[in-house]
Amino acid sequence: MSPVEITPRHVRARDARDAAPLFAALGDETRLALLGRLSSGGPGSIAHLAHGSKVSRQAITKHLEVLSFAGLVTSEKQGRERVWKLAPERLAAAHAYLDHISRQWDDALERLKTFVEE
């Protein structure tokens, strides 16, 4: 998936379609916890990521696949295991998308303030 591109005035439909899987993936407590573990602990195998969790290895794998589809994690085979790591550039795209929406709201509020004060 490509990073979200932001236009100066509005979020384009294509950008929203690109961002939707990203925010859907971020909308799950288990997936957020996995991202936190990968962020603080570095790359890890399914066994490492499942250690101490109430979630099964199979469930961890499914959550990682959702995160991978959204571009938030990548994996590579190392021996018999697959090692997963965070893809921080995709989180940066989410941040940029939210910043743009925030600027749009700020602009709209400023226009409203100007209108009301006139």
Protein backbone atom coordinates (compact mmCIF):
# COMPACT_ATOMS: atom_id res chain seq x y z
CA MET A 1 0.00 0.00 0.00
CA SER A 2 1.18 3.47 -0.76
CA PRO A 3 1.38 6.20 1.87
CA VAL A 4 -1.65 8.44 2.18
CA GLU A 5 -1.32 11.50 -0.06
CA ILE A 6 -2.89 14.67 1.25
CA THR A 7 -4.17 17.52 -0.94
CA PRO A 8 -4.09 21.08 0.34
CA ARG A 9 -7.88 21.51 0.68
CA HIS A 10 -9.51 18.15 1.23
CA VAL A 11 -9.02 14.45 1.68
CA ARG A 12 -9.59 12.71 -1.62
CA ALA A 13 -11.75 9.58 -1.85
CA ARG A 14 -8.71 7.53 -2.94
CA ASP A 15 -6.85 8.62 0.20
CA ALA A 16 -9.80 7.63 2.39
CA ARG A 17 -9.96 4.20 0.69
CA ASP A 18 -6.23 3.77 1.30
CA ALA A 19 -6.51 4.86 4.94
CA ALA A 20 -9.59 2.76 5.81
CA PRO A 21 -7.76 -0.59 6.24
CA LEU A 22 -5.10 1.19 8.26
CA PHE A 23 -7.58 2.64 10.75
CA ALA A 24 -9.62 -0.58 10.79
CA ALA A 25 -6.46 -2.46 11.77
CA LEU A 26 -5.70 0.10 14.48
CA GLY A 27 -9.22 -0.22 15.86
CA ASP A 28 -8.58 -3.49 17.69
CA GLU A 29 -7.14 -3.77 21.19
CA THR A 30 -5.11 -6.92 20.45
CA ARG A 31 -3.60 -5.43 17.30
CA LEU A 32 -2.70 -2.22 19.14
CA ALA A 33 -1.01 -4.32 21.83
CA LEU A 34 0.95 -6.20 19.15
CA LEU A 35 2.10 -2.93 17.61
CA GLY A 36 3.15 -1.76 21.06
CA ARG A 37 5.17 -4.92 21.64
CA LEU A 38 6.84 -4.64 18.23
CA SER A 39 7.54 -0.96 18.83
CA SER A 40 9.12 -1.41 22.24
CA GLY A 41 10.63 -4.87 21.90
CA GLY A 42 11.66 -4.95 18.26
CA PRO A 43 10.97 -7.77 15.80
CA GLY A 44 9.54 -10.99 17.12
CA SER A 45 8.23 -14.42 16.22
CA ILE A 46 4.66 -15.55 16.83
CA ALA A 47 5.83 -17.45 19.92
CA HIS A 48 7.58 -14.35 21.27
CA LEU A 49 4.59 -12.10 20.56
CA ALA A 50 2.12 -14.57 22.08
CA HIS A 51 4.18 -15.08 25.25
CA GLY A 52 2.23 -13.87 28.28
CA SER A 53 -0.85 -13.16 26.21
CA LYS A 54 -4.32 -14.60 26.73
CA VAL A 55 -4.60 -14.82 22.93
CA SER A 56 -3.66 -18.04 21.10
CA ARG A 57 -0.81 -18.19 18.61
CA GLN A 58 -3.36 -18.77 15.85
CA ALA A 59 -5.22 -15.59 16.82
CA ILE A 60 -1.94 -13.65 17.00
CA THR A 61 -1.13 -14.85 13.48
CA LYS A 62 -4.51 -13.68 12.18
CA HIS A 63 -4.09 -10.28 13.83
CA LEU A 64 -0.61 -9.92 12.34
CA GLU A 65 -2.01 -10.75 8.90
CA VAL A 66 -4.54 -7.91 9.28
CA LEU A 67 -1.74 -5.57 10.34
CA SER A 68 0.34 -6.73 7.39
CA PHE A 69 -2.52 -6.12 4.95
CA ALA A 70 -2.77 -2.57 6.33
CA GLY A 71 0.98 -2.13 5.85
CA LEU A 72 1.69 -1.71 9.56
CA VAL A 73 3.96 -4.74 9.92
CA THR A 74 6.16 -6.85 7.68
CA SER A 75 7.56 -10.32 8.12
CA GLU A 76 10.37 -12.46 6.85
CA LYS A 77 11.10 -16.11 7.21
CA GLN A 78 14.05 -16.94 9.43
CA GLY A 79 14.62 -20.66 9.57
CA ARG A 80 11.33 -22.34 10.46
CA GLU A 81 9.81 -19.20 11.98
CA ARG A 82 8.39 -15.99 10.60
CA VAL A 83 9.70 -12.85 12.30
CA TRP A 84 7.46 -9.80 12.35
CA LYS A 85 8.53 -6.17 12.60
CA LEU A 86 6.87 -2.78 12.73
CA ALA A 87 6.56 -0.70 9.53
CA PRO A 88 6.79 2.82 11.04
CA GLU A 89 6.32 4.63 7.73
CA ARG A 90 2.71 3.47 7.63
CA LEU A 91 2.10 4.87 11.10
CA ALA A 92 3.58 8.13 9.85
CA ALA A 93 1.01 8.08 7.03
CA ALA A 94 -1.79 7.66 9.59
CA HIS A 95 -0.38 10.57 11.57
CA ALA A 96 -0.25 12.75 8.44
CA TYR A 97 -3.83 11.81 7.57
CA LEU A 98 -5.09 12.75 11.03
CA ASP A 99 -3.05 15.97 11.02
CA HIS A 100 -4.65 16.96 7.72
CA ILE A 101 -8.15 16.31 9.02
CA SER A 102 -7.30 18.32 12.14
CA ARG A 103 -6.13 21.24 9.99
CA GLN A 104 -9.38 21.07 8.01
CA TRP A 105 -11.37 21.37 11.25
CA ASP A 106 -9.18 24.23 12.43
CA ASP A 107 -9.72 26.04 9.12
CA ALA A 108 -13.49 25.49 9.30
CA LEU A 109 -13.62 26.78 12.88
CA GLU A 110 -11.55 29.82 11.93
CA ARG A 111 -13.95 30.60 9.04
CA LEU A 112 -16.91 30.21 11.41
CA LYS A 113 -15.27 32.50 13.97
CA THR A 114 -14.62 35.13 11.27
CA PHE A 115 -18.20 34.87 10.05
CA VAL A 116 -19.67 35.19 13.55
CA GLU A 117 -17.45 38.14 14.48
CA GLU A 118 -18.34 40.12 11.33
